[in-house]
Amino acid sequence: MRIELLQVAYEDKTILNNLIQLYRYDSSEFDGHVLNNHGLYLYKYFDHQWTDEYRRPLMVKADGEIAGFALISLDVPKEYMKWSTAEKTNVISEFFIMRKYRRKGLGRHVACLLFEQFTGIWEVRQTANNQPAYTFWKQIISKYTNNDYLETILQNEKWNGPVFVFESNADLS
C-alpha cells in the first residue's frame, strides 16, 4: 500500500471539514460531541489550521484514496504545554483513520511518518473515555520509543485524560 501524508491546502478545506464530520461522529461516543442545529459537528480550531503558522493540517492517502487526516502543531512554546519541559513541543491535536483502513497498520505507519518527519519532543493526548485511542497510542509510542516515554493523567478545565510525552528521532523507528 502506497501511503502519502499531504498538507491540506486552503482550497481543499472542504475535504478536511468533511473528514472532521466523520471523525467527530466516530469519537462522539467517547467525548460527547453533539450536532449543531444544521446537523454538523463544529471544530473550534478549524480555520486556525491555515492561519496559525505552527499548525499543520495533513491528509492521509492510501493508494491515492483519502484515508484520514492528522492535525498537528509544531514547535509549540513550553508555556502552552503542561507536561513537556522542552522549549518547544510537537502535538498531535487530532488523528483519524477511516474505518476501512483500521487494523491494517496504516495508523501506525502514519504516526511513525509524523514522528520521523517532525523530530523532537511530542505530546499525544487522548480523552479519558476513549480506550481504543489510548490502546492505539500506547502500543505505537511504546514500540517507537522502546518504552522510553512519560505517561501521566491530565485533569483540568481544558483536558481530562492520558498524556504521552516522548522524543522522536528518525534513528528510533
C-alpha atoms as a PDB file:
ATOM      1  CA  MET A   1       0.000   0.000   0.000  1.00  0.00           C
ATOM      2  CA  ARG A   2       1.404   3.408  -1.000  1.00  0.00           C
ATOM      3  CA  ILE A   3       0.848   5.857   1.871  1.00  0.00           C
ATOM      4  CA  GLU A   4       1.068   9.630   1.485  1.00  0.00           C
ATOM      5  CA  LEU A   5       0.899  12.370   4.092  1.00  0.00           C
ATOM      6  CA  LEU A   6      -0.005  15.644   2.362  1.00  0.00           C
ATOM      7  CA  GLN A   7      -0.555  19.132   3.714  1.00  0.00           C
ATOM      8  CA  VAL A   8      -4.168  20.223   3.154  1.00  0.00           C
ATOM      9  CA  ALA A   9      -4.244  23.353   1.018  1.00  0.00           C
ATOM     10  CA  TYR A  10      -6.648  26.122   1.977  1.00  0.00           C
ATOM     11  CA  GLU A  11      -8.522  25.455  -1.263  1.00  0.00           C
ATOM     12  CA  ASP A  12      -9.188  21.903  -0.032  1.00  0.00           C
ATOM     13  CA  LYS A  13     -10.540  22.878   3.378  1.00  0.00           C
ATOM     14  CA  THR A  14     -13.981  21.450   2.478  1.00  0.00           C
ATOM     15  CA  ILE A  15     -12.403  17.996   2.194  1.00  0.00           C
ATOM     16  CA  LEU A  16     -10.918  18.342   5.674  1.00  0.00           C
ATOM     17  CA  ASN A  17     -14.222  19.598   7.067  1.00  0.00           C
ATOM     18  CA  ASN A  18     -15.975  16.529   5.639  1.00  0.00           C
ATOM     19  CA  LEU A  19     -13.390  14.248   7.254  1.00  0.00           C
ATOM     20  CA  ILE A  20     -13.784  16.061  10.569  1.00  0.00           C
ATOM     21  CA  GLN A  21     -17.509  15.263  10.442  1.00  0.00           C
ATOM     22  CA  LEU A  22     -16.710  11.549  10.201  1.00  0.00           C
ATOM     23  CA  TYR A  23     -14.093  11.827  12.939  1.00  0.00           C
ATOM     24  CA  ARG A  24     -16.393  13.705  15.318  1.00  0.00           C
ATOM     25  CA  TYR A  25     -19.186  11.209  14.667  1.00  0.00           C
ATOM     26  CA  ASP A  26     -16.826   8.309  15.434  1.00  0.00           C
ATOM     27  CA  SER A  27     -15.495   9.889  18.607  1.00  0.00           C
ATOM     28  CA  SER A  28     -18.810  11.294  19.891  1.00  0.00           C
ATOM     29  CA  GLU A  29     -19.408   8.148  21.946  1.00  0.00           C
ATOM     30  CA  PHE A  30     -16.267   8.980  23.946  1.00  0.00           C
ATOM     31  CA  ASP A  31     -16.184  12.762  24.104  1.00  0.00           C
ATOM     32  CA  GLY A  32     -19.846  13.769  23.966  1.00  0.00           C
ATOM     33  CA  HIS A  33     -19.692  15.972  20.847  1.00  0.00           C
ATOM     34  CA  VAL A  34     -23.173  16.888  19.631  1.00  0.00           C
ATOM     35  CA  LEU A  35     -24.530  18.034  16.306  1.00  0.00           C
ATOM     36  CA  ASN A  36     -25.445  21.689  15.883  1.00  0.00           C
ATOM     37  CA  ASN A  37     -28.836  22.818  14.538  1.00  0.00           C
ATOM     38  CA  HIS A  38     -27.575  22.280  10.992  1.00  0.00           C
ATOM     39  CA  GLY A  39     -26.646  18.649  11.632  1.00  0.00           C
ATOM     40  CA  LEU A  40     -22.900  19.305  11.734  1.00  0.00           C
ATOM     41  CA  TYR A  41     -20.152  18.839  14.271  1.00  0.00           C
ATOM     42  CA  LEU A  42     -18.229  22.030  14.872  1.00  0.00           C
ATOM     43  CA  TYR A  43     -14.460  22.130  15.300  1.00  0.00           C
ATOM     44  CA  LYS A  44     -13.397  25.249  17.165  1.00  0.00           C
ATOM     45  CA  TYR A  45      -9.925  25.465  15.622  1.00  0.00           C
ATOM     46  CA  PHE A  46     -10.841  24.577  12.039  1.00  0.00           C
ATOM     47  CA  ASP A  47      -9.913  27.892  10.371  1.00  0.00           C
ATOM     48  CA  HIS A  48      -6.854  28.182  12.612  1.00  0.00           C
ATOM     49  CA  GLN A  49      -5.309  25.307  10.630  1.00  0.00           C
ATOM     50  CA  TRP A  50      -4.435  27.831   7.899  1.00  0.00           C
ATOM     51  CA  THR A  51      -3.914  30.986   9.986  1.00  0.00           C
ATOM     52  CA  ASP A  52      -1.691  29.790  12.853  1.00  0.00           C
ATOM     53  CA  GLU A  53       1.804  29.222  11.497  1.00  0.00           C
ATOM     54  CA  TYR A  54       2.535  26.350  13.877  1.00  0.00           C
ATOM     55  CA  ARG A  55      -0.470  24.247  12.784  1.00  0.00           C
ATOM     56  CA  ARG A  56      -0.291  21.660  10.016  1.00  0.00           C
ATOM     57  CA  PRO A  57      -3.462  20.078   8.621  1.00  0.00           C
ATOM     58  CA  LEU A  58      -2.392  16.838   6.939  1.00  0.00           C
ATOM     59  CA  MET A  59      -4.386  14.433   4.788  1.00  0.00           C
ATOM     60  CA  VAL A  60      -3.617  10.734   4.669  1.00  0.00           C
ATOM     61  CA  LYS A  61      -3.920   8.923   1.344  1.00  0.00           C
ATOM     62  CA  ALA A  62      -3.605   5.189   0.752  1.00  0.00           C
ATOM     63  CA  ASP A  63      -3.031   4.158  -2.858  1.00  0.00           C
ATOM     64  CA  GLY A  64      -4.326   7.586  -3.903  1.00  0.00           C
ATOM     65  CA  GLU A  65      -7.565   7.360  -1.902  1.00  0.00           C
ATOM     66  CA  ILE A  66      -8.341   9.616   1.056  1.00  0.00           C
ATOM     67  CA  ALA A  67      -7.810   7.502   4.160  1.00  0.00           C
ATOM     68  CA  GLY A  68      -7.793  10.009   7.040  1.00  0.00           C
ATOM     69  CA  PHE A  69      -6.118  13.089   8.459  1.00  0.00           C
ATOM     70  CA  ALA A  70      -3.851  14.374  11.203  1.00  0.00           C
ATOM     71  CA  LEU A  71      -3.938  17.854  12.699  1.00  0.00           C
ATOM     72  CA  ILE A  72      -0.615  18.620  14.309  1.00  0.00           C
ATOM     73  CA  SER A  73       1.044  21.607  15.927  1.00  0.00           C
ATOM     74  CA  LEU A  74       4.789  22.032  15.613  1.00  0.00           C
ATOM     75  CA  ASP A  75       7.239  23.758  17.912  1.00  0.00           C
ATOM     76  CA  VAL A  76       4.623  24.894  20.424  1.00  0.00           C
ATOM     77  CA  PRO A  77       6.372  27.029  23.100  1.00  0.00           C
ATOM     78  CA  LYS A  78       6.673  25.417  26.534  1.00  0.00           C
ATOM     79  CA  GLU A  79       4.431  27.971  28.246  1.00  0.00           C
ATOM     80  CA  TYR A  80       1.491  26.367  26.403  1.00  0.00           C
ATOM     81  CA  MET A  81       2.448  22.794  27.327  1.00  0.00           C
ATOM     82  CA  LYS A  82       1.532  21.170  30.623  1.00  0.00           C
ATOM     83  CA  TRP A  83       3.913  18.201  30.808  1.00  0.00           C
ATOM     84  CA  SER A  84       6.754  18.785  28.404  1.00  0.00           C
ATOM     85  CA  THR A  85       9.748  20.637  29.786  1.00  0.00           C
ATOM     86  CA  ALA A  86      11.196  21.178  26.313  1.00  0.00           C
ATOM     87  CA  GLU A  87      11.485  24.674  24.894  1.00  0.00           C
ATOM     88  CA  LYS A  88       9.245  23.556  22.006  1.00  0.00           C
ATOM     89  CA  THR A  89       6.916  20.587  21.656  1.00  0.00           C
ATOM     90  CA  ASN A  90       5.075  18.934  18.766  1.00  0.00           C
ATOM     91  CA  VAL A  91       1.448  17.963  19.386  1.00  0.00           C
ATOM     92  CA  ILE A  92      -0.996  15.638  17.680  1.00  0.00           C
ATOM     93  CA  SER A  93      -4.249  17.542  18.073  1.00  0.00           C
ATOM     94  CA  GLU A  94      -6.468  15.177  16.088  1.00  0.00           C
ATOM     95  CA  PHE A  95      -5.766  11.887  14.310  1.00  0.00           C
ATOM     96  CA  PHE A  96      -8.275   9.956  12.210  1.00  0.00           C
ATOM     97  CA  ILE A  97      -8.064   6.885  10.003  1.00  0.00           C
ATOM     98  CA  MET A  98     -11.142   5.796   8.029  1.00  0.00           C
ATOM     99  CA  ARG A  99     -12.696   2.564   9.286  1.00  0.00           C
ATOM    100  CA  LYS A 100     -11.878   0.597   6.131  1.00  0.00           C
ATOM    101  CA  TYR A 101      -8.160   1.191   6.781  1.00  0.00           C
ATOM    102  CA  ARG A 102      -8.122   0.418  10.505  1.00  0.00           C
ATOM    103  CA  ARG A 103      -6.334  -2.646  11.876  1.00  0.00           C
ATOM    104  CA  LYS A 104      -4.190  -2.831   8.739  1.00  0.00           C
ATOM    105  CA  GLY A 105      -1.153  -0.950  10.042  1.00  0.00           C
ATOM    106  CA  LEU A 106      -1.984   2.326   8.292  1.00  0.00           C
ATOM    107  CA  GLY A 107      -2.425   4.334  11.509  1.00  0.00           C
ATOM    108  CA  ARG A 108       0.846   3.016  12.932  1.00  0.00           C
ATOM    109  CA  HIS A 109       2.642   3.805   9.684  1.00  0.00           C
ATOM    110  CA  VAL A 110       1.223   7.354   9.563  1.00  0.00           C
ATOM    111  CA  ALA A 111       2.093   8.001  13.215  1.00  0.00           C
ATOM    112  CA  CYS A 112       5.685   6.903  12.608  1.00  0.00           C
ATOM    113  CA  LEU A 113       5.853   9.069   9.473  1.00  0.00           C
ATOM    114  CA  LEU A 114       4.833  12.062  11.583  1.00  0.00           C
ATOM    115  CA  PHE A 115       7.400  11.294  14.273  1.00  0.00           C
ATOM    116  CA  GLU A 116      10.174  10.836  11.695  1.00  0.00           C
ATOM    117  CA  GLN A 117       9.285  13.856   9.574  1.00  0.00           C
ATOM    118  CA  PHE A 118       8.945  16.207  12.553  1.00  0.00           C
ATOM    119  CA  THR A 119      11.540  15.056  15.070  1.00  0.00           C
ATOM    120  CA  GLY A 120      11.617  16.467  18.566  1.00  0.00           C
ATOM    121  CA  ILE A 121       9.546  16.311  21.716  1.00  0.00           C
ATOM    122  CA  TRP A 122       5.963  15.119  21.172  1.00  0.00           C
ATOM    123  CA  GLU A 123       2.871  15.304  23.357  1.00  0.00           C
ATOM    124  CA  VAL A 124      -0.027  12.973  22.466  1.00  0.00           C
ATOM    125  CA  ARG A 125      -3.285  13.149  24.440  1.00  0.00           C
ATOM    126  CA  GLN A 126      -6.443  11.061  24.472  1.00  0.00           C
ATOM    127  CA  THR A 127      -9.759  11.788  26.134  1.00  0.00           C
ATOM    128  CA  ALA A 128     -10.248   9.755  29.304  1.00  0.00           C
ATOM    129  CA  ASN A 129     -13.113   7.645  27.946  1.00  0.00           C
ATOM    130  CA  ASN A 130     -11.510   6.767  24.603  1.00  0.00           C
ATOM    131  CA  GLN A 131      -9.943   3.424  25.484  1.00  0.00           C
ATOM    132  CA  PRO A 132      -9.370   2.412  21.819  1.00  0.00           C
ATOM    133  CA  ALA A 133      -7.321   5.595  21.218  1.00  0.00           C
ATOM    134  CA  TYR A 134      -5.385   5.064  24.435  1.00  0.00           C
ATOM    135  CA  THR A 135      -4.556   1.462  23.467  1.00  0.00           C
ATOM    136  CA  PHE A 136      -3.542   2.526  19.936  1.00  0.00           C
ATOM    137  CA  TRP A 137      -1.206   5.307  21.082  1.00  0.00           C
ATOM    138  CA  LYS A 138       0.296   3.316  23.960  1.00  0.00           C
ATOM    139  CA  GLN A 139       1.226   0.479  21.583  1.00  0.00           C
ATOM    140  CA  ILE A 140       2.605   2.832  18.927  1.00  0.00           C
ATOM    141  CA  ILE A 141       4.620   5.009  21.306  1.00  0.00           C
ATOM    142  CA  SER A 142       5.880   2.073  23.403  1.00  0.00           C
ATOM    143  CA  LYS A 143       7.236   0.347  20.327  1.00  0.00           C
ATOM    144  CA  TYR A 144       8.502   3.516  18.636  1.00  0.00           C
ATOM    145  CA  THR A 145      10.443   4.679  21.709  1.00  0.00           C
ATOM    146  CA  ASN A 146      11.391   1.259  23.076  1.00  0.00           C
ATOM    147  CA  ASN A 147       9.349   2.193  26.180  1.00  0.00           C
ATOM    148  CA  ASP A 148      11.189   5.486  26.696  1.00  0.00           C
ATOM    149  CA  TYR A 149       8.265   7.873  27.309  1.00  0.00           C
ATOM    150  CA  LEU A 150       6.386   9.621  30.091  1.00  0.00           C
ATOM    151  CA  GLU A 151       2.723   8.773  30.661  1.00  0.00           C
ATOM    152  CA  THR A 152       0.554  10.789  33.001  1.00  0.00           C
ATOM    153  CA  ILE A 153      -3.074  11.775  33.514  1.00  0.00           C
ATOM    154  CA  LEU A 154      -4.010  15.405  32.973  1.00  0.00           C
ATOM    155  CA  GLN A 155      -7.187  16.648  34.636  1.00  0.00           C
ATOM    156  CA  ASN A 156      -8.109  20.311  34.479  1.00  0.00           C
ATOM    157  CA  GLU A 157     -10.767  22.587  32.974  1.00  0.00           C
ATOM    158  CA  LYS A 158      -9.324  22.088  29.459  1.00  0.00           C
ATOM    159  CA  TRP A 159      -8.405  18.400  29.421  1.00  0.00           C
ATOM    160  CA  ASN A 160      -9.178  15.111  31.103  1.00  0.00           C
ATOM    161  CA  GLY A 161      -7.205  12.079  30.034  1.00  0.00           C
ATOM    162  CA  PRO A 162      -3.879  10.366  29.496  1.00  0.00           C
ATOM    163  CA  VAL A 163      -0.901  12.187  28.020  1.00  0.00           C
ATOM    164  CA  PHE A 164       2.210  10.631  26.462  1.00  0.00           C
ATOM    165  CA  VAL A 165       5.393  12.714  26.177  1.00  0.00           C
ATOM    166  CA  PHE A 166       8.438  11.411  24.307  1.00  0.00           C
ATOM    167  CA  GLU A 167      11.196  12.374  21.915  1.00  0.00           C
ATOM    168  CA  SER A 168      11.077  11.262  18.323  1.00  0.00           C
ATOM    169  CA  ASN A 169      14.224  10.604  16.400  1.00  0.00           C
ATOM    170  CA  ALA A 170      14.420   9.140  12.918  1.00  0.00           C
ATOM    171  CA  ASP A 171      17.026   6.650  14.222  1.00  0.00           C
ATOM    172  CA  LEU A 172      14.496   5.054  16.631  1.00  0.00           C
ATOM    173  CA  SER A 173      11.984   3.716  14.129  1.00  0.00           C
END
